[in-house]
C-alpha atoms as a PDB file:
ATOM      1  CA  MET A   1      98.821 125.466  23.492  1.00  0.00           C
ATOM      2  CA  ILE A   2     101.627 127.424  24.795  1.00  0.00           C
ATOM      3  CA  PHE A   3     101.817 131.089  24.728  1.00  0.00           C
ATOM      4  CA  ASP A   4     104.759 133.242  25.668  1.00  0.00           C
ATOM      5  CA  LEU A   5     103.583 136.487  27.415  1.00  0.00           C
ATOM      6  CA  ALA A   6     105.469 139.778  27.625  1.00  0.00           C
ATOM      7  CA  ILE A   7     103.543 142.054  30.274  1.00  0.00           C
ATOM      8  CA  ALA A   8     104.724 145.534  30.482  1.00  0.00           C
ATOM      9  CA  VAL A   9     103.815 147.383  33.847  1.00  0.00           C
ATOM     10  CA  THR A  10     104.028 151.134  33.783  1.00  0.00           C
ATOM     11  CA  LEU A  11     103.099 153.964  35.937  1.00  0.00           C
ATOM     12  CA  LYS A  12      99.910 156.026  34.862  1.00  0.00           C
ATOM     13  CA  PRO A  13     100.836 159.229  33.064  1.00  0.00           C
ATOM     14  CA  VAL A  14      99.394 161.174  35.811  1.00  0.00           C
ATOM     15  CA  VAL A  15     101.667 159.550  38.335  1.00  0.00           C
ATOM     16  CA  ASN A  16     104.878 161.027  39.283  1.00  0.00           C
ATOM     17  CA  ASP A  17     108.080 158.780  38.339  1.00  0.00           C
ATOM     18  CA  PRO A  18     111.050 159.672  40.617  1.00  0.00           C
ATOM     19  CA  GLN A  19     112.868 156.727  38.982  1.00  0.00           C
ATOM     20  CA  GLY A  20     112.228 157.889  35.618  1.00  0.00           C
ATOM     21  CA  LEU A  21     113.633 161.444  36.390  1.00  0.00           C
ATOM     22  CA  VAL A  22     116.765 159.997  38.119  1.00  0.00           C
ATOM     23  CA  VAL A  23     117.438 157.819  34.828  1.00  0.00           C
ATOM     24  CA  ARG A  24     116.847 160.803  32.513  1.00  0.00           C
ATOM     25  CA  SER A  25     119.233 163.058  34.694  1.00  0.00           C
ATOM     26  CA  GLY A  26     121.633 160.235  34.594  1.00  0.00           C
ATOM     27  CA  LEU A  27     121.394 159.988  30.826  1.00  0.00           C
ATOM     28  CA  GLU A  28     121.749 163.852  30.438  1.00  0.00           C
ATOM     29  CA  GLN A  29     124.792 163.797  32.738  1.00  0.00           C
ATOM     30  CA  LEU A  30     126.241 161.035  30.406  1.00  0.00           C
ATOM     31  CA  GLY A  31     125.803 163.417  27.358  1.00  0.00           C
ATOM     32  CA  PHE A  32     122.776 161.766  25.932  1.00  0.00           C
ATOM     33  CA  ASP A  33     120.850 165.007  24.851  1.00  0.00           C
ATOM     34  CA  GLY A  34     117.354 164.868  23.745  1.00  0.00           C
ATOM     35  CA  VAL A  35     115.928 162.547  26.186  1.00  0.00           C
ATOM     36  CA  SER A  36     112.653 163.159  27.705  1.00  0.00           C
ATOM     37  CA  ASP A  37     109.512 161.631  29.440  1.00  0.00           C
ATOM     38  CA  VAL A  38     111.332 158.697  30.953  1.00  0.00           C
ATOM     39  CA  ARG A  39     109.307 156.107  32.789  1.00  0.00           C
ATOM     40  CA  VAL A  40     110.547 153.185  34.803  1.00  0.00           C
ATOM     41  CA  GLY A  41     108.329 150.094  35.010  1.00  0.00           C
ATOM     42  CA  LYS A  42     108.255 146.255  35.083  1.00  0.00           C
ATOM     43  CA  TYR A  43     108.663 143.550  32.582  1.00  0.00           C
ATOM     44  CA  ILE A  44     107.062 140.350  33.604  1.00  0.00           C
ATOM     45  CA  GLN A  45     107.696 137.231  30.991  1.00  0.00           C
ATOM     46  CA  LEU A  46     106.137 134.017  31.358  1.00  0.00           C
ATOM     47  CA  LYS A  47     104.789 130.922  29.639  1.00  0.00           C
ATOM     48  CA  LEU A  48     100.948 130.171  29.546  1.00  0.00           C
ATOM     49  CA  GLU A  49      99.027 127.324  28.603  1.00  0.00           C
ATOM     50  CA  ALA A  50      95.507 127.968  27.059  1.00  0.00           C
ATOM     51  CA  ASP A  51      93.235 126.693  24.505  1.00  0.00           C
ATOM     52  CA  ASP A  52      93.717 129.505  22.231  1.00  0.00           C
ATOM     53  CA  GLU A  53      94.854 133.305  21.927  1.00  0.00           C
ATOM     54  CA  ASP A  54      91.566 134.666  23.210  1.00  0.00           C
ATOM     55  CA  ALA A  55      91.763 132.266  26.145  1.00  0.00           C
ATOM     56  CA  ALA A  56      95.326 133.047  26.903  1.00  0.00           C
ATOM     57  CA  ARG A  57      94.603 136.972  26.694  1.00  0.00           C
ATOM     58  CA  VAL A  58      91.740 136.553  29.061  1.00  0.00           C
ATOM     59  CA  LYS A  59      94.031 134.967  31.631  1.00  0.00           C
ATOM     60  CA  ALA A  60      96.636 137.443  31.275  1.00  0.00           C
ATOM     61  CA  THR A  61      94.381 140.166  31.739  1.00  0.00           C
ATOM     62  CA  GLN A  62      93.161 138.547  34.855  1.00  0.00           C
ATOM     63  CA  MET A  63      96.628 138.236  36.126  1.00  0.00           C
ATOM     64  CA  CYS A  64      97.303 141.813  35.630  1.00  0.00           C
ATOM     65  CA  GLU A  65      94.014 142.921  37.099  1.00  0.00           C
ATOM     66  CA  GLN A  66      94.236 140.656  40.145  1.00  0.00           C
ATOM     67  CA  LEU A  67      98.057 140.702  41.057  1.00  0.00           C
ATOM     68  CA  LEU A  68     100.637 141.822  38.513  1.00  0.00           C
ATOM     69  CA  ARG A  69      99.679 145.785  38.778  1.00  0.00           C
ATOM     70  CA  ASN A  70      98.467 148.137  41.193  1.00  0.00           C
ATOM     71  CA  PRO A  71      95.225 149.535  39.569  1.00  0.00           C
ATOM     72  CA  VAL A  72      95.542 152.665  41.528  1.00  0.00           C
ATOM     73  CA  ILE A  73      98.806 153.802  39.814  1.00  0.00           C
ATOM     74  CA  GLU A  74      99.851 151.446  37.217  1.00  0.00           C
ATOM     75  CA  ASP A  75      98.620 150.415  33.490  1.00  0.00           C
ATOM     76  CA  TYR A  76      99.799 147.285  31.661  1.00  0.00           C
ATOM     77  CA  ARG A  77     100.200 146.039  28.181  1.00  0.00           C
ATOM     78  CA  ILE A  78     100.108 142.638  27.012  1.00  0.00           C
ATOM     79  CA  GLY A  79     102.212 141.059  24.121  1.00  0.00           C
ATOM     80  CA  LEU A  80     101.348 137.477  23.350  1.00  0.00           C
ATOM     81  CA  GLU A  81     102.846 134.812  21.014  1.00  0.00           C
ATOM     82  CA  MET A  82     101.987 131.366  20.436  1.00  0.00           C
ATOM     83  CA  GLN A  83     105.045 128.947  20.771  1.00  0.00           C
ATOM     84  CA  LEU A  84     105.673 126.855  17.615  1.00  0.00           C
ATOM     85  CA  GLU A  85     105.705 123.326  18.175  1.00  0.00           C
ATOM     86  CA  PRO A  86     108.983 121.615  17.749  1.00  0.00           C
ATOM     87  CA  ALA A  87     109.206 119.715  14.600  1.00  0.00           C
ATOM     88  CA  ALA A  88     108.541 116.090  14.744  1.00  0.00           C
ATOM     89  CA  THR A  89     111.524 113.754  13.990  1.00  0.00           C
ATOM     90  CA  GLY A  90     110.616 110.651  12.054  1.00  0.00           C
ATOM     91  CA  ALA A  91     112.792 107.689  11.478  1.00  0.00           C
END
């Protein structure tokens, strides 16, 4: 089975986010009131082949733990969706 993965990597809440502060300031300067707690992170999208959803989630977690995030300063969230097989066309 093929799975679509969407992985969001963000700074931990205790880590200062200077990019987030700049974005918030820019939004305020553009007149967008009420914006707070802006955090800037990474969005990683990929396709993954696995036997089932549990196996895909385990692989995705291993990817995050071993490469995609810095465990000292970043957290991650995994979104997972199975790709639907294309409909067979019969003659």
